Amino acid sequence: MASWVWQLRSRFVQKQKNQADRFNLAILSLIQKIRQANTLDEIDLLQEELFEIFQQVIVDLDEDLIDSDSFQSFTFTWETAMKIAGDREKMLRELRLVSDS
C-alpha cells in the first residue's frame, strides 16, 4: 500500500514539474522573440504574452498543478524575460532617438 501511495505521489510531483517546465520553455521561446524584436509594438505584444503566461502560472499554482519549487524556478525565468524585454525596449527607444536626430 505504501509503495502504491509513493508511486501516486511521485507521478503527481512529476506532472507538476512537467507543467512548470512547459511554462519555462514558453518563456525561453519568448525571450528569443524579444531579442529579435525590431519595434516597440513587438515588445509590447511579447510582454503581454509574458503577463498571460504569468497569470496562468498563478492559476495553476492555486490549483496545485505546479508546486512552490517549480513556481520559484518559473519566477526566475519570467523575471529574466521581463528584464530582457525592458532592456530591448530601452535600446529600441535610444535607436529611435538617434535616428530622429
PDB file of N, CA and C in Angstrom:
ATOM      1  N   MET A   1       0.829  -1.199   0.000  1.00  0.00           N
ATOM      2  CA  MET A   1       0.000   0.000   0.000  1.00  0.00           C
ATOM      3  C   MET A   1       0.873   1.262   0.000  1.00  0.00           C
ATOM      4  N   ALA A   2       1.914   1.265   0.863  1.00  0.00           N
ATOM      5  CA  ALA A   2       2.791   2.436   0.941  1.00  0.00           C
ATOM      6  C   ALA A   2       3.497   2.675  -0.391  1.00  0.00           C
ATOM      7  N   SER A   3       3.886   1.601  -1.044  1.00  0.00           N
ATOM      8  CA  SER A   3       4.535   1.721  -2.348  1.00  0.00           C
ATOM      9  C   SER A   3       3.592   2.340  -3.372  1.00  0.00           C
ATOM     10  N   TRP A   4       2.356   1.949  -3.333  1.00  0.00           N
ATOM     11  CA  TRP A   4       1.352   2.477  -4.270  1.00  0.00           C
ATOM     12  C   TRP A   4       1.137   3.972  -4.031  1.00  0.00           C
ATOM     13  N   VAL A   5       1.040   4.369  -2.754  1.00  0.00           N
ATOM     14  CA  VAL A   5       0.870   5.785  -2.403  1.00  0.00           C
ATOM     15  C   VAL A   5       2.101   6.570  -2.842  1.00  0.00           C
ATOM     16  N   TRP A   6       3.283   6.018  -2.608  1.00  0.00           N
ATOM     17  CA  TRP A   6       4.523   6.689  -3.007  1.00  0.00           C
ATOM     18  C   TRP A   6       4.576   6.885  -4.522  1.00  0.00           C
ATOM     19  N   GLN A   7       4.173   5.861  -5.257  1.00  0.00           N
ATOM     20  CA  GLN A   7       4.177   5.933  -6.713  1.00  0.00           C
ATOM     21  C   GLN A   7       3.178   6.978  -7.208  1.00  0.00           C
ATOM     22  N   LEU A   8       2.015   7.025  -6.595  1.00  0.00           N
ATOM     23  CA  LEU A   8       0.996   8.023  -6.963  1.00  0.00           C
ATOM     24  C   LEU A   8       1.522   9.433  -6.704  1.00  0.00           C
ATOM     25  N   ARG A   9       2.153   9.614  -5.554  1.00  0.00           N
ATOM     26  CA  ARG A   9       2.706  10.928  -5.210  1.00  0.00           C
ATOM     27  C   ARG A   9       3.806  11.305  -6.202  1.00  0.00           C
ATOM     28  N   SER A  10       4.651  10.364  -6.533  1.00  0.00           N
ATOM     29  CA  SER A  10       5.736  10.626  -7.486  1.00  0.00           C
ATOM     30  C   SER A  10       5.189  11.058  -8.839  1.00  0.00           C
ATOM     31  N   ARG A  11       4.140  10.415  -9.280  1.00  0.00           N
ATOM     32  CA  ARG A  11       3.518  10.801 -10.563  1.00  0.00           C
ATOM     33  C   ARG A  11       2.949  12.204 -10.495  1.00  0.00           C
ATOM     34  N   PHE A  12       2.318  12.529  -9.365  1.00  0.00           N
ATOM     35  CA  PHE A  12       1.736  13.860  -9.190  1.00  0.00           C
ATOM     36  C   PHE A  12       2.826  14.926  -9.215  1.00  0.00           C
ATOM     37  N   VAL A  13       3.916  14.684  -8.492  1.00  0.00           N
ATOM     38  CA  VAL A  13       5.029  15.632  -8.448  1.00  0.00           C
ATOM     39  C   VAL A  13       5.643  15.783  -9.838  1.00  0.00           C
ATOM     40  N   GLN A  14       5.802  14.672 -10.557  1.00  0.00           N
ATOM     41  CA  GLN A  14       6.367  14.739 -11.907  1.00  0.00           C
ATOM     42  C   GLN A  14       5.454  15.531 -12.842  1.00  0.00           C
ATOM     43  N   LYS A  15       4.155  15.358 -12.687  1.00  0.00           N
ATOM     44  CA  LYS A  15       3.202  16.095 -13.516  1.00  0.00           C
ATOM     45  C   LYS A  15       3.301  17.599 -13.238  1.00  0.00           C
ATOM     46  N   GLN A  16       3.451  17.966 -11.958  1.00  0.00           N
ATOM     47  CA  GLN A  16       3.620  19.366 -11.602  1.00  0.00           C
ATOM     48  C   GLN A  16       4.899  19.930 -12.226  1.00  0.00           C
ATOM     49  N   LYS A  17       5.977  19.169 -12.142  1.00  0.00           N
ATOM     50  CA  LYS A  17       7.246  19.610 -12.706  1.00  0.00           C
ATOM     51  C   LYS A  17       7.146  19.767 -14.222  1.00  0.00           C
ATOM     52  N   ASN A  18       6.492  18.833 -14.882  1.00  0.00           N
ATOM     53  CA  ASN A  18       6.339  18.914 -16.334  1.00  0.00           C
ATOM     54  C   ASN A  18       5.552  20.158 -16.738  1.00  0.00           C
ATOM     55  N   GLN A  19       4.524  20.491 -15.979  1.00  0.00           N
ATOM     56  CA  GLN A  19       3.734  21.691 -16.267  1.00  0.00           C
ATOM     57  C   GLN A  19       4.613  22.930 -16.141  1.00  0.00           C
ATOM     58  N   ALA A  20       5.392  23.007 -15.080  1.00  0.00           N
ATOM     59  CA  ALA A  20       6.290  24.150 -14.889  1.00  0.00           C
ATOM     60  C   ALA A  20       7.334  24.205 -15.993  1.00  0.00           C
ATOM     61  N   ASP A  21       7.847  23.059 -16.401  1.00  0.00           N
ATOM     62  CA  ASP A  21       8.831  23.015 -17.486  1.00  0.00           C
ATOM     63  C   ASP A  21       8.242  23.567 -18.783  1.00  0.00           C
ATOM     64  N   ARG A  22       6.996  23.254 -19.055  1.00  0.00           N
ATOM     65  CA  ARG A  22       6.345  23.792 -20.271  1.00  0.00           C
ATOM     66  C   ARG A  22       6.271  25.314 -20.226  1.00  0.00           C
ATOM     67  N   PHE A  23       5.948  25.854 -19.055  1.00  0.00           N
ATOM     68  CA  PHE A  23       5.915  27.316 -18.921  1.00  0.00           C
ATOM     69  C   PHE A  23       7.303  27.908 -19.127  1.00  0.00           C
ATOM     70  N   ASN A  24       8.321  27.298 -18.540  1.00  0.00           N
ATOM     71  CA  ASN A  24       9.684  27.810 -18.712  1.00  0.00           C
ATOM     72  C   ASN A  24      10.127  27.754 -20.171  1.00  0.00           C
ATOM     73  N   LEU A  25       9.772  26.700 -20.865  1.00  0.00           N
ATOM     74  CA  LEU A  25      10.119  26.606 -22.288  1.00  0.00           C
ATOM     75  C   LEU A  25       9.394  27.676 -23.107  1.00  0.00           C
ATOM     76  N   ALA A  26       8.163  27.967 -22.746  1.00  0.00           N
ATOM     77  CA  ALA A  26       7.418  29.030 -23.431  1.00  0.00           C
ATOM     78  C   ALA A  26       8.093  30.380 -23.197  1.00  0.00           C
ATOM     79  N   ILE A  27       8.562  30.601 -21.980  1.00  0.00           N
ATOM     80  CA  ILE A  27       9.268  31.846 -21.665  1.00  0.00           C
ATOM     81  C   ILE A  27      10.566  31.943 -22.462  1.00  0.00           C
ATOM     82  N   LEU A  28      11.299  30.853 -22.554  1.00  0.00           N
ATOM     83  CA  LEU A  28      12.544  30.870 -23.334  1.00  0.00           C
ATOM     84  C   LEU A  28      12.280  31.194 -24.795  1.00  0.00           C
ATOM     85  N   SER A  29      11.196  30.680 -25.331  1.00  0.00           N
ATOM     86  CA  SER A  29      10.820  30.998 -26.707  1.00  0.00           C
ATOM     87  C   SER A  29      10.511  32.492 -26.852  1.00  0.00           C
ATOM     88  N   LEU A  30       9.817  33.046 -25.874  1.00  0.00           N
ATOM     89  CA  LEU A  30       9.515  34.479 -25.916  1.00  0.00           C
ATOM     90  C   LEU A  30      10.776  35.316 -25.772  1.00  0.00           C
ATOM     91  N   ILE A  31      11.724  34.861 -24.981  1.00  0.00           N
ATOM     92  CA  ILE A  31      12.990  35.595 -24.842  1.00  0.00           C
ATOM     93  C   ILE A  31      13.679  35.692 -26.196  1.00  0.00           C
ATOM     94  N   GLN A  32      13.685  34.613 -26.941  1.00  0.00           N
ATOM     95  CA  GLN A  32      14.297  34.640 -28.270  1.00  0.00           C
ATOM     96  C   GLN A  32      13.585  35.647 -29.172  1.00  0.00           C
ATOM     97  N   LYS A  33      12.267  35.663 -29.125  1.00  0.00           N
ATOM     98  CA  LYS A  33      11.498  36.626 -29.928  1.00  0.00           C
ATOM     99  C   LYS A  33      11.765  38.056 -29.488  1.00  0.00           C
ATOM    100  N   ILE A  34      11.887  38.254 -28.180  1.00  0.00           N
ATOM    101  CA  ILE A  34      12.181  39.604 -27.655  1.00  0.00           C
ATOM    102  C   ILE A  34      13.536  40.083 -28.181  1.00  0.00           C
ATOM    103  N   ARG A  35      14.503  39.208 -28.147  1.00  0.00           N
ATOM    104  CA  ARG A  35      15.848  39.578 -28.602  1.00  0.00           C
ATOM    105  C   ARG A  35      15.871  39.937 -30.081  1.00  0.00           C
ATOM    106  N   GLN A  36      14.917  39.416 -30.856  1.00  0.00           N
ATOM    107  CA  GLN A  36      14.857  39.678 -32.291  1.00  0.00           C
ATOM    108  C   GLN A  36      13.872  40.793 -32.645  1.00  0.00           C
ATOM    109  N   ALA A  37      13.144  41.298 -31.664  1.00  0.00           N
ATOM    110  CA  ALA A  37      12.130  42.326 -31.925  1.00  0.00           C
ATOM    111  C   ALA A  37      12.782  43.597 -32.456  1.00  0.00           C
ATOM    112  N   ASN A  38      12.108  44.190 -33.434  1.00  0.00           N
ATOM    113  CA  ASN A  38      12.636  45.406 -34.062  1.00  0.00           C
ATOM    114  C   ASN A  38      11.788  46.638 -33.812  1.00  0.00           C
ATOM    115  N   THR A  39      10.634  46.463 -33.166  1.00  0.00           N
ATOM    116  CA  THR A  39       9.766  47.608 -32.894  1.00  0.00           C
ATOM    117  C   THR A  39       9.264  47.561 -31.454  1.00  0.00           C
ATOM    118  N   LEU A  40       8.867  48.729 -30.976  1.00  0.00           N
ATOM    119  CA  LEU A  40       8.301  48.803 -29.628  1.00  0.00           C
ATOM    120  C   LEU A  40       6.965  48.069 -29.557  1.00  0.00           C
ATOM    121  N   ASP A  41       6.214  48.079 -30.654  1.00  0.00           N
ATOM    122  CA  ASP A  41       4.945  47.350 -30.682  1.00  0.00           C
ATOM    123  C   ASP A  41       5.171  45.845 -30.497  1.00  0.00           C
ATOM    124  N   GLU A  42       6.210  45.318 -31.126  1.00  0.00           N
ATOM    125  CA  GLU A  42       6.538  43.899 -30.958  1.00  0.00           C
ATOM    126  C   GLU A  42       6.856  43.600 -29.490  1.00  0.00           C
ATOM    127  N   ILE A  43       7.637  44.472 -28.867  1.00  0.00           N
ATOM    128  CA  ILE A  43       7.986  44.295 -27.457  1.00  0.00           C
ATOM    129  C   ILE A  43       6.724  44.308 -26.602  1.00  0.00           C
ATOM    130  N   ASP A  44       5.822  45.250 -26.878  1.00  0.00           N
ATOM    131  CA  ASP A  44       4.570  45.325 -26.113  1.00  0.00           C
ATOM    132  C   ASP A  44       3.769  44.030 -26.221  1.00  0.00           C
ATOM    133  N   LEU A  45       3.663  43.496 -27.421  1.00  0.00           N
ATOM    134  CA  LEU A  45       2.910  42.247 -27.614  1.00  0.00           C
ATOM    135  C   LEU A  45       3.565  41.077 -26.893  1.00  0.00           C
ATOM    136  N   LEU A  46       4.872  41.028 -26.946  1.00  0.00           N
ATOM    137  CA  LEU A  46       5.589  39.939 -26.275  1.00  0.00           C
ATOM    138  C   LEU A  46       5.491  40.061 -24.756  1.00  0.00           C
ATOM    139  N   GLN A  47       5.524  41.290 -24.246  1.00  0.00           N
ATOM    140  CA  GLN A  47       5.337  41.482 -22.806  1.00  0.00           C
ATOM    141  C   GLN A  47       3.922  41.073 -22.395  1.00  0.00           C
ATOM    142  N   GLU A  48       2.959  41.332 -23.244  1.00  0.00           N
ATOM    143  CA  GLU A  48       1.588  40.914 -22.963  1.00  0.00           C
ATOM    144  C   GLU A  48       1.505  39.392 -22.869  1.00  0.00           C
ATOM    145  N   GLU A  49       2.209  38.703 -23.768  1.00  0.00           N
ATOM    146  CA  GLU A  49       2.259  37.237 -23.707  1.00  0.00           C
ATOM    147  C   GLU A  49       2.908  36.765 -22.409  1.00  0.00           C
ATOM    148  N   LEU A  50       3.958  37.469 -21.988  1.00  0.00           N
ATOM    149  CA  LEU A  50       4.609  37.117 -20.723  1.00  0.00           C
ATOM    150  C   LEU A  50       3.632  37.241 -19.551  1.00  0.00           C
ATOM    151  N   PHE A  51       2.836  38.320 -19.549  1.00  0.00           N
ATOM    152  CA  PHE A  51       1.868  38.508 -18.469  1.00  0.00           C
ATOM    153  C   PHE A  51       0.763  37.448 -18.514  1.00  0.00           C
ATOM    154  N   GLU A  52       0.367  37.039 -19.701  1.00  0.00           N
ATOM    155  CA  GLU A  52      -0.645  35.985 -19.819  1.00  0.00           C
ATOM    156  C   GLU A  52      -0.122  34.660 -19.260  1.00  0.00           C
ATOM    157  N   ILE A  53       1.136  34.355 -19.558  1.00  0.00           N
ATOM    158  CA  ILE A  53       1.737  33.134 -19.017  1.00  0.00           C
ATOM    159  C   ILE A  53       1.823  33.239 -17.495  1.00  0.00           C
ATOM    160  N   PHE A  54       2.243  34.400 -16.997  1.00  0.00           N
ATOM    161  CA  PHE A  54       2.339  34.599 -15.555  1.00  0.00           C
ATOM    162  C   PHE A  54       0.983  34.382 -14.887  1.00  0.00           C
ATOM    163  N   GLN A  55      -0.052  34.921 -15.488  1.00  0.00           N
ATOM    164  CA  GLN A  55      -1.405  34.754 -14.958  1.00  0.00           C
ATOM    165  C   GLN A  55      -1.778  33.272 -14.902  1.00  0.00           C
ATOM    166  N   GLN A  56      -1.475  32.518 -15.957  1.00  0.00           N
ATOM    167  CA  GLN A  56      -1.802  31.100 -15.985  1.00  0.00           C
ATOM    168  C   GLN A  56      -1.010  30.325 -14.932  1.00  0.00           C
ATOM    169  N   VAL A  57       0.239  30.710 -14.716  1.00  0.00           N
ATOM    170  CA  VAL A  57       1.056  30.052 -13.701  1.00  0.00           C
ATOM    171  C   VAL A  57       0.452  30.279 -12.307  1.00  0.00           C
ATOM    172  N   ILE A  58      -0.009  31.483 -12.050  1.00  0.00           N
ATOM    173  CA  ILE A  58      -0.630  31.779 -10.754  1.00  0.00           C
ATOM    174  C   ILE A  58      -1.878  30.914 -10.561  1.00  0.00           C
ATOM    175  N   VAL A  59      -2.687  30.793 -11.600  1.00  0.00           N
ATOM    176  CA  VAL A  59      -3.880  29.947 -11.531  1.00  0.00           C
ATOM    177  C   VAL A  59      -3.475  28.494 -11.271  1.00  0.00           C
ATOM    178  N   ASP A  60      -2.478  28.011 -12.012  1.00  0.00           N
ATOM    179  CA  ASP A  60      -2.024  26.627 -11.846  1.00  0.00           C
ATOM    180  C   ASP A  60      -1.441  26.391 -10.455  1.00  0.00           C
ATOM    181  N   LEU A  61      -0.742  27.371  -9.924  1.00  0.00           N
ATOM    182  CA  LEU A  61      -0.207  27.259  -8.565  1.00  0.00           C
ATOM    183  C   LEU A  61      -1.360  27.155  -7.569  1.00  0.00           C
ATOM    184  N   ASP A  62      -2.366  27.984  -7.749  1.00  0.00           N
ATOM    185  CA  ASP A  62      -3.536  27.974  -6.867  1.00  0.00           C
ATOM    186  C   ASP A  62      -4.280  26.638  -6.930  1.00  0.00           C
ATOM    187  N   GLU A  63      -4.295  26.035  -8.104  1.00  0.00           N
ATOM    188  CA  GLU A  63      -4.998  24.761  -8.293  1.00  0.00           C
ATOM    189  C   GLU A  63      -4.079  23.553  -8.071  1.00  0.00           C
ATOM    190  N   ASP A  64      -2.889  23.803  -7.528  1.00  0.00           N
ATOM    191  CA  ASP A  64      -1.902  22.747  -7.236  1.00  0.00           C
ATOM    192  C   ASP A  64      -1.464  21.966  -8.468  1.00  0.00           C
ATOM    193  N   LEU A  65      -1.480  22.622  -9.624  1.00  0.00           N
ATOM    194  CA  LEU A  65      -0.974  21.987 -10.840  1.00  0.00           C
ATOM    195  C   LEU A  65       0.534  22.155 -10.973  1.00  0.00           C
ATOM    196  N   ILE A  66       1.084  23.126 -10.226  1.00  0.00           N
ATOM    197  CA  ILE A  66       2.529  23.251 -10.082  1.00  0.00           C
ATOM    198  C   ILE A  66       2.820  23.457  -8.596  1.00  0.00           C
ATOM    199  N   ASP A  67       4.020  23.088  -8.175  1.00  0.00           N
ATOM    200  CA  ASP A  67       4.373  23.242  -6.764  1.00  0.00           C
ATOM    201  C   ASP A  67       5.183  24.519  -6.558  1.00  0.00           C
ATOM    202  N   SER A  68       5.431  24.846  -5.296  1.00  0.00           N
ATOM    203  CA  SER A  68       6.098  26.116  -4.983  1.00  0.00           C
ATOM    204  C   SER A  68       7.543  26.140  -5.487  1.00  0.00           C
ATOM    205  N   ASP A  69       8.233  24.996  -5.488  1.00  0.00           N
ATOM    206  CA  ASP A  69       9.607  24.971  -6.024  1.00  0.00           C
ATOM    207  C   ASP A  69       9.610  25.283  -7.516  1.00  0.00           C
ATOM    208  N   SER A  70       8.686  24.700  -8.243  1.00  0.00           N
ATOM    209  CA  SER A  70       8.580  24.969  -9.676  1.00  0.00           C
ATOM    210  C   SER A  70       8.187  26.420  -9.928  1.00  0.00           C
ATOM    211  N   PHE A  71       7.353  26.957  -9.051  1.00  0.00           N
ATOM    212  CA  PHE A  71       6.972  28.362  -9.178  1.00  0.00           C
ATOM    213  C   PHE A  71       8.186  29.264  -9.011  1.00  0.00           C
ATOM    214  N   GLN A  72       9.057  28.943  -8.048  1.00  0.00           N
ATOM    215  CA  GLN A  72      10.272  29.728  -7.845  1.00  0.00           C
ATOM    216  C   GLN A  72      11.158  29.694  -9.091  1.00  0.00           C
ATOM    217  N   SER A  73      11.288  28.525  -9.676  1.00  0.00           N
ATOM    218  CA  SER A  73      12.075  28.383 -10.901  1.00  0.00           C
ATOM    219  C   SER A  73      11.460  29.217 -12.020  1.00  0.00           C
ATOM    220  N   PHE A  74      10.150  29.131 -12.162  1.00  0.00           N
ATOM    221  CA  PHE A  74       9.454  29.905 -13.185  1.00  0.00           C
ATOM    222  C   PHE A  74       9.652  31.396 -12.959  1.00  0.00           C
ATOM    223  N   THR A  75       9.525  31.830 -11.716  1.00  0.00           N
ATOM    224  CA  THR A  75       9.637  33.257 -11.398  1.00  0.00           C
ATOM    225  C   THR A  75      10.983  33.809 -11.844  1.00  0.00           C
ATOM    226  N   PHE A  76      12.057  33.053 -11.611  1.00  0.00           N
ATOM    227  CA  PHE A  76      13.381  33.488 -12.055  1.00  0.00           C
ATOM    228  C   PHE A  76      13.400  33.662 -13.571  1.00  0.00           C
ATOM    229  N   THR A  77      12.870  32.690 -14.301  1.00  0.00           N
ATOM    230  CA  THR A  77      12.857  32.749 -15.764  1.00  0.00           C
ATOM    231  C   THR A  77      12.005  33.909 -16.250  1.00  0.00           C
ATOM    232  N   TRP A  78      10.840  34.105 -15.618  1.00  0.00           N
ATOM    233  CA  TRP A  78       9.922  35.178 -16.017  1.00  0.00           C
ATOM    234  C   TRP A  78      10.559  36.549 -15.764  1.00  0.00           C
ATOM    235  N   GLU A  79      11.170  36.721 -14.600  1.00  0.00           N
ATOM    236  CA  GLU A  79      11.816  37.997 -14.291  1.00  0.00           C
ATOM    237  C   GLU A  79      12.957  38.286 -15.264  1.00  0.00           C
ATOM    238  N   THR A  80      13.693  37.262 -15.638  1.00  0.00           N
ATOM    239  CA  THR A  80      14.769  37.428 -16.614  1.00  0.00           C
ATOM    240  C   THR A  80      14.191  37.888 -17.949  1.00  0.00           C
ATOM    241  N   ALA A  81      13.106  37.272 -18.371  1.00  0.00           N
ATOM    242  CA  ALA A  81      12.463  37.657 -19.636  1.00  0.00           C
ATOM    243  C   ALA A  81      11.985  39.107 -19.582  1.00  0.00           C
ATOM    244  N   MET A  82      11.403  39.512 -18.461  1.00  0.00           N
ATOM    245  CA  MET A  82      10.927  40.894 -18.338  1.00  0.00           C
ATOM    246  C   MET A  82      12.105  41.876 -18.377  1.00  0.00           C
ATOM    247  N   LYS A  83      13.225  41.505 -17.768  1.00  0.00           N
ATOM    248  CA  LYS A  83      14.398  42.383 -17.806  1.00  0.00           C
ATOM    249  C   LYS A  83      14.924  42.495 -19.235  1.00  0.00           C
ATOM    250  N   ILE A  84      14.991  41.383 -19.930  1.00  0.00           N
ATOM    251  CA  ILE A  84      15.455  41.404 -21.323  1.00  0.00           C
ATOM    252  C   ILE A  84      14.518  42.258 -22.170  1.00  0.00           C
ATOM    253  N   ALA A  85      13.219  42.134 -21.936  1.00  0.00           N
ATOM    254  CA  ALA A  85      12.244  42.946 -22.685  1.00  0.00           C
ATOM    255  C   ALA A  85      12.449  44.428 -22.385  1.00  0.00           C
ATOM    256  N   GLY A  86      12.671  44.758 -21.126  1.00  0.00           N
ATOM    257  CA  GLY A  86      12.916  46.151 -20.759  1.00  0.00           C
ATOM    258  C   GLY A  86      14.190  46.690 -21.382  1.00  0.00           C
ATOM    259  N   ASP A  87      15.231  45.873 -21.381  1.00  0.00           N
ATOM    260  CA  ASP A  87      16.500  46.285 -21.993  1.00  0.00           C
ATOM    261  C   ASP A  87      16.338  46.485 -23.496  1.00  0.00           C
ATOM    262  N   ARG A  88      15.628  45.565 -24.136  1.00  0.00           N
ATOM    263  CA  ARG A  88      15.418  45.670 -25.587  1.00  0.00           C
ATOM    264  C   ARG A  88      14.584  46.904 -25.910  1.00  0.00           C
ATOM    265  N   GLU A  89      13.571  47.154 -25.110  1.00  0.00           N
ATOM    266  CA  GLU A  89      12.730  48.340 -25.307  1.00  0.00           C
ATOM    267  C   GLU A  89      13.561  49.615 -25.172  1.00  0.00           C
ATOM    268  N   LYS A  90      14.409  49.660 -24.157  1.00  0.00           N
ATOM    269  CA  LYS A  90      15.276  50.827 -23.956  1.00  0.00           C
ATOM    270  C   LYS A  90      16.196  51.028 -25.155  1.00  0.00           C
ATOM    271  N   MET A  91      16.785  49.930 -25.654  1.00  0.00           N
ATOM    272  CA  MET A  91      17.682  50.025 -26.794  1.00  0.00           C
ATOM    273  C   MET A  91      16.939  50.548 -28.037  1.00  0.00           C
ATOM    274  N   LEU A  92      15.726  50.027 -28.263  1.00  0.00           N
ATOM    275  CA  LEU A  92      14.955  50.469 -29.423  1.00  0.00           C
ATOM    276  C   LEU A  92      14.573  51.949 -29.305  1.00  0.00           C
ATOM    277  N   ARG A  93      14.253  52.392 -28.095  1.00  0.00           N
ATOM    278  CA  ARG A  93      13.929  53.812 -27.891  1.00  0.00           C
ATOM    279  C   ARG A  93      15.156  54.686 -28.162  1.00  0.00           C
ATOM    280  N   GLU A  94      16.318  54.244 -27.694  1.00  0.00           N
ATOM    281  CA  GLU A  94      17.554  55.003 -27.934  1.00  0.00           C
ATOM    282  C   GLU A  94      17.879  55.045 -29.423  1.00  0.00           C
ATOM    283  N   LEU A  95      17.680  53.935 -30.125  1.00  0.00           N
ATOM    284  CA  LEU A  95      17.914  53.918 -31.568  1.00  0.00           C
ATOM    285  C   LEU A  95      16.977  54.882 -32.280  1.00  0.00           C
ATOM    286  N   ARG A  96      15.742  54.933 -31.818  1.00  0.00           N
ATOM    287  CA  ARG A  96      14.756  55.830 -32.423  1.00  0.00           C
ATOM    288  C   ARG A  96      15.172  57.282 -32.214  1.00  0.00           C
ATOM    289  N   LEU A  97      15.654  57.596 -31.009  1.00  0.00           N
ATOM    290  CA  LEU A  97      16.107  58.978 -30.730  1.00  0.00           C
ATOM    291  C   LEU A  97      17.288  59.343 -31.607  1.00  0.00           C
ATOM    292  N   VAL A  98      18.224  58.434 -31.779  1.00  0.00           N
ATOM    293  CA  VAL A  98      19.413  58.708 -32.596  1.00  0.00           C
ATOM    294  C   VAL A  98      19.005  58.898 -34.047  1.00  0.00           C
ATOM    295  N   SER A  99      18.112  58.052 -34.547  1.00  0.00           N
ATOM    296  CA  SER A  99      17.717  58.160 -35.952  1.00  0.00           C
ATOM    297  C   SER A  99      16.836  59.383 -36.209  1.00  0.00           C
ATOM    298  N   ASP A 100      16.126  59.845 -35.176  1.00  0.00           N
ATOM    299  CA  ASP A 100      15.276  61.035 -35.352  1.00  0.00           C
ATOM    300  C   ASP A 100      16.097  62.313 -35.293  1.00  0.00           C
ATOM    301  N   SER A 101      17.311  62.236 -34.772  1.00  0.00           N
ATOM    302  CA  SER A 101      18.153  63.440 -34.614  1.00  0.00           C
ATOM    303  C   SER A 101      18.785  63.848 -35.905  1.00  0.00           C
TER     304      SER A 101
END
